[in-house]
Amino acid sequence: MEVTGQLKLKYDTQKVSEKFQKRDFVLATDLSTPYPQYVSFQVTQDKCSMLDTFNQGDEIKVQFNLRGREWNGPQGIKYFNTLEAWRIEKVAAGQSSAPAQSNASMQENTSAPVFNSSISDNDDLPF
């Protein structure tokens, strides 16, 4: 997955244990709308230094994986998500408008999905 936006904040690297470190940063997206989105990402281990070359306000493209986990605590089971960045690139000045247009067209198509199928479809899916 990937998203383009403006680097809003970057935090210092946190050493969680002797063998694990992480660093969080916030990406601002949809800045041209009345409701901008502020999305928190995380980099881990040797990727923590990737953020050193970027400054707040830079337009960047982040490629990431969506991670989820279950935690069974004293108050019951809870679920947590993490957006784990694995590549960060600076966006050239001329490229920033193209992703914004594609995001806008994706937002317009957020209605219920359309399923076009016929009985003659021969696929192996059980549903």
C-alpha atoms as a PDB file:
ATOM      1  CA  MET A   1       0.000   0.000   0.000  1.00  0.00           C
ATOM      2  CA  GLU A   2       1.112   3.562  -0.498  1.00  0.00           C
ATOM      3  CA  VAL A   3      -0.038   7.058   0.349  1.00  0.00           C
ATOM      4  CA  THR A   4       1.240  10.545  -0.443  1.00  0.00           C
ATOM      5  CA  GLY A   5       1.057  13.483   1.933  1.00  0.00           C
ATOM      6  CA  GLN A   6       2.930  16.112   3.896  1.00  0.00           C
ATOM      7  CA  LEU A   7       5.229  15.145   6.776  1.00  0.00           C
ATOM      8  CA  LYS A   8       3.547  16.729   9.795  1.00  0.00           C
ATOM      9  CA  LEU A   9       5.631  15.353  12.687  1.00  0.00           C
ATOM     10  CA  LYS A  10       8.501  12.980  13.239  1.00  0.00           C
ATOM     11  CA  TYR A  11       9.355  11.697  16.677  1.00  0.00           C
ATOM     12  CA  ASP A  12      12.658  10.547  18.147  1.00  0.00           C
ATOM     13  CA  THR A  13      13.627   6.881  17.953  1.00  0.00           C
ATOM     14  CA  GLN A  14      12.445   4.873  20.971  1.00  0.00           C
ATOM     15  CA  LYS A  15      14.513   1.955  22.168  1.00  0.00           C
ATOM     16  CA  VAL A  16      11.871  -0.549  23.320  1.00  0.00           C
ATOM     17  CA  SER A  17      14.332  -3.309  24.258  1.00  0.00           C
ATOM     18  CA  GLU A  18      17.954  -4.270  23.627  1.00  0.00           C
ATOM     19  CA  LYS A  19      16.983  -5.712  20.232  1.00  0.00           C
ATOM     20  CA  PHE A  20      14.060  -3.541  19.155  1.00  0.00           C
ATOM     21  CA  GLN A  21      13.660   0.156  18.314  1.00  0.00           C
ATOM     22  CA  LYS A  22      10.875   2.109  16.637  1.00  0.00           C
ATOM     23  CA  ARG A  23      10.120   5.610  15.415  1.00  0.00           C
ATOM     24  CA  ASP A  24       6.715   7.177  14.746  1.00  0.00           C
ATOM     25  CA  PHE A  25       5.789   9.909  12.296  1.00  0.00           C
ATOM     26  CA  VAL A  26       2.583  11.617  11.173  1.00  0.00           C
ATOM     27  CA  LEU A  27       1.561  12.185   7.569  1.00  0.00           C
ATOM     28  CA  ALA A  28      -1.070  14.815   6.696  1.00  0.00           C
ATOM     29  CA  THR A  29      -3.249  13.846   3.725  1.00  0.00           C
ATOM     30  CA  ASP A  30      -6.250  15.433   2.003  1.00  0.00           C
ATOM     31  CA  LEU A  31      -4.969  18.915   2.856  1.00  0.00           C
ATOM     32  CA  SER A  32      -7.037  20.514   0.095  1.00  0.00           C
ATOM     33  CA  THR A  33     -10.292  19.351   1.736  1.00  0.00           C
ATOM     34  CA  PRO A  34     -12.056  20.872   4.740  1.00  0.00           C
ATOM     35  CA  TYR A  35     -11.206  17.695   6.719  1.00  0.00           C
ATOM     36  CA  PRO A  36      -7.511  16.826   6.390  1.00  0.00           C
ATOM     37  CA  GLN A  37      -6.433  13.441   7.711  1.00  0.00           C
ATOM     38  CA  TYR A  38      -3.477  12.900  10.045  1.00  0.00           C
ATOM     39  CA  VAL A  39      -2.195   9.344   9.796  1.00  0.00           C
ATOM     40  CA  SER A  40       0.356   7.858  12.193  1.00  0.00           C
ATOM     41  CA  PHE A  41       3.020   5.518  10.783  1.00  0.00           C
ATOM     42  CA  GLN A  42       5.849   3.563  12.344  1.00  0.00           C
ATOM     43  CA  VAL A  43       9.297   2.484  11.172  1.00  0.00           C
ATOM     44  CA  THR A  44      11.330  -0.130  13.024  1.00  0.00           C
ATOM     45  CA  GLN A  45      14.899  -1.291  13.507  1.00  0.00           C
ATOM     46  CA  ASP A  46      17.379  -0.029  10.869  1.00  0.00           C
ATOM     47  CA  LYS A  47      14.598   1.832   9.016  1.00  0.00           C
ATOM     48  CA  CYS A  48      14.366   4.402  11.851  1.00  0.00           C
ATOM     49  CA  SER A  49      17.129   6.417  10.204  1.00  0.00           C
ATOM     50  CA  MET A  50      15.110   6.776   6.954  1.00  0.00           C
ATOM     51  CA  LEU A  51      13.285   9.762   8.452  1.00  0.00           C
ATOM     52  CA  ASP A  52      16.507  11.698   9.101  1.00  0.00           C
ATOM     53  CA  THR A  53      16.653  12.944   5.498  1.00  0.00           C
ATOM     54  CA  PHE A  54      13.142  14.457   5.564  1.00  0.00           C
ATOM     55  CA  ASN A  55      11.918  17.680   7.165  1.00  0.00           C
ATOM     56  CA  GLN A  56       8.524  18.657   8.460  1.00  0.00           C
ATOM     57  CA  GLY A  57       6.456  20.012   5.585  1.00  0.00           C
ATOM     58  CA  ASP A  58       8.103  17.819   2.932  1.00  0.00           C
ATOM     59  CA  GLU A  59       5.754  16.122   0.463  1.00  0.00           C
ATOM     60  CA  ILE A  60       6.517  12.396   0.714  1.00  0.00           C
ATOM     61  CA  LYS A  61       5.239   9.085  -0.576  1.00  0.00           C
ATOM     62  CA  VAL A  62       5.093   6.290   2.008  1.00  0.00           C
ATOM     63  CA  GLN A  63       4.880   2.613   1.138  1.00  0.00           C
ATOM     64  CA  PHE A  64       3.676   0.550   4.073  1.00  0.00           C
ATOM     65  CA  ASN A  65       2.192  -2.684   5.363  1.00  0.00           C
ATOM     66  CA  LEU A  66      -0.952  -2.871   7.485  1.00  0.00           C
ATOM     67  CA  ARG A  67      -0.358  -4.933  10.617  1.00  0.00           C
ATOM     68  CA  GLY A  68      -2.912  -6.023  13.206  1.00  0.00           C
ATOM     69  CA  ARG A  69      -2.684  -7.897  16.469  1.00  0.00           C
ATOM     70  CA  GLU A  70      -4.839  -9.197  19.279  1.00  0.00           C
ATOM     71  CA  TRP A  71      -4.122  -8.460  22.929  1.00  0.00           C
ATOM     72  CA  ASN A  72      -5.816 -10.295  25.785  1.00  0.00           C
ATOM     73  CA  GLY A  73      -5.673  -7.947  28.755  1.00  0.00           C
ATOM     74  CA  PRO A  74      -7.419  -7.741  32.126  1.00  0.00           C
ATOM     75  CA  GLN A  75     -10.383  -5.917  30.558  1.00  0.00           C
ATOM     76  CA  GLY A  76     -10.816  -8.383  27.714  1.00  0.00           C
ATOM     77  CA  ILE A  77      -9.550  -8.787  24.201  1.00  0.00           C
ATOM     78  CA  LYS A  78      -8.513  -5.680  22.277  1.00  0.00           C
ATOM     79  CA  TYR A  79      -7.270  -5.246  18.736  1.00  0.00           C
ATOM     80  CA  PHE A  80      -4.537  -2.889  17.545  1.00  0.00           C
ATOM     81  CA  ASN A  81      -3.407  -1.801  14.081  1.00  0.00           C
ATOM     82  CA  THR A  82      -0.029  -0.513  12.950  1.00  0.00           C
ATOM     83  CA  LEU A  83       0.923   1.090   9.651  1.00  0.00           C
ATOM     84  CA  GLU A  84       4.511  -0.085   9.221  1.00  0.00           C
ATOM     85  CA  ALA A  85       6.399   1.998   6.649  1.00  0.00           C
ATOM     86  CA  TRP A  86       9.126   0.273   4.673  1.00  0.00           C
ATOM     87  CA  ARG A  87       9.933   2.903   2.015  1.00  0.00           C
ATOM     88  CA  ILE A  88       9.736   6.703   2.090  1.00  0.00           C
ATOM     89  CA  GLU A  89      10.424   8.888  -0.943  1.00  0.00           C
ATOM     90  CA  LYS A  90      10.316  12.627  -1.482  1.00  0.00           C
ATOM     91  CA  VAL A  91       7.701  13.637  -4.051  1.00  0.00           C
ATOM     92  CA  ALA A  92       8.870  15.867  -6.882  1.00  0.00           C
ATOM     93  CA  ALA A  93       6.983  19.170  -7.189  1.00  0.00           C
ATOM     94  CA  GLY A  94       5.225  18.127 -10.419  1.00  0.00           C
ATOM     95  CA  GLN A  95       4.092  14.740  -9.082  1.00  0.00           C
ATOM     96  CA  SER A  96       2.062  15.914  -6.098  1.00  0.00           C
ATOM     97  CA  SER A  97      -1.072  16.771  -8.091  1.00  0.00           C
ATOM     98  CA  ALA A  98      -1.447  13.376  -9.801  1.00  0.00           C
ATOM     99  CA  PRO A  99      -1.844  11.311  -6.602  1.00  0.00           C
ATOM    100  CA  ALA A 100      -4.274  13.877  -5.229  1.00  0.00           C
ATOM    101  CA  GLN A 101      -6.487  13.435  -8.299  1.00  0.00           C
ATOM    102  CA  SER A 102      -6.412   9.657  -8.002  1.00  0.00           C
ATOM    103  CA  ASN A 103      -7.278   9.887  -4.285  1.00  0.00           C
ATOM    104  CA  ALA A 104     -10.228  12.130  -5.143  1.00  0.00           C
ATOM    105  CA  SER A 105     -11.518   9.688  -7.724  1.00  0.00           C
ATOM    106  CA  MET A 106     -11.129   6.844  -5.247  1.00  0.00           C
ATOM    107  CA  GLN A 107     -13.152   8.764  -2.668  1.00  0.00           C
ATOM    108  CA  GLU A 108     -15.947   9.325  -5.178  1.00  0.00           C
ATOM    109  CA  ASN A 109     -16.218   5.566  -5.689  1.00  0.00           C
ATOM    110  CA  THR A 110     -16.753   4.644  -2.035  1.00  0.00           C
ATOM    111  CA  SER A 111     -20.320   3.441  -2.577  1.00  0.00           C
ATOM    112  CA  ALA A 112     -21.215  -0.223  -2.237  1.00  0.00           C
ATOM    113  CA  PRO A 113     -19.267  -2.481  -4.594  1.00  0.00           C
ATOM    114  CA  VAL A 114     -21.016  -3.714  -7.710  1.00  0.00           C
ATOM    115  CA  PHE A 115     -20.992  -7.462  -8.271  1.00  0.00           C
ATOM    116  CA  ASN A 116     -21.354  -8.494 -11.880  1.00  0.00           C
ATOM    117  CA  SER A 117     -21.628 -12.228 -12.235  1.00  0.00           C
ATOM    118  CA  SER A 118     -23.551 -14.803 -14.124  1.00  0.00           C
ATOM    119  CA  ILE A 119     -24.328 -18.421 -13.411  1.00  0.00           C
ATOM    120  CA  SER A 120     -21.934 -19.453 -16.169  1.00  0.00           C
ATOM    121  CA  ASP A 121     -18.896 -18.036 -14.294  1.00  0.00           C
ATOM    122  CA  ASN A 122     -16.492 -20.892 -13.667  1.00  0.00           C
ATOM    123  CA  ASP A 123     -14.270 -19.939 -10.780  1.00  0.00           C
ATOM    124  CA  ASP A 124     -12.926 -22.040  -7.959  1.00  0.00           C
ATOM    125  CA  LEU A 125     -14.086 -19.825  -5.128  1.00  0.00           C
ATOM    126  CA  PRO A 126     -16.620 -21.438  -2.765  1.00  0.00           C
ATOM    127  CA  PHE A 127     -18.605 -18.204  -2.411  1.00  0.00           C
END
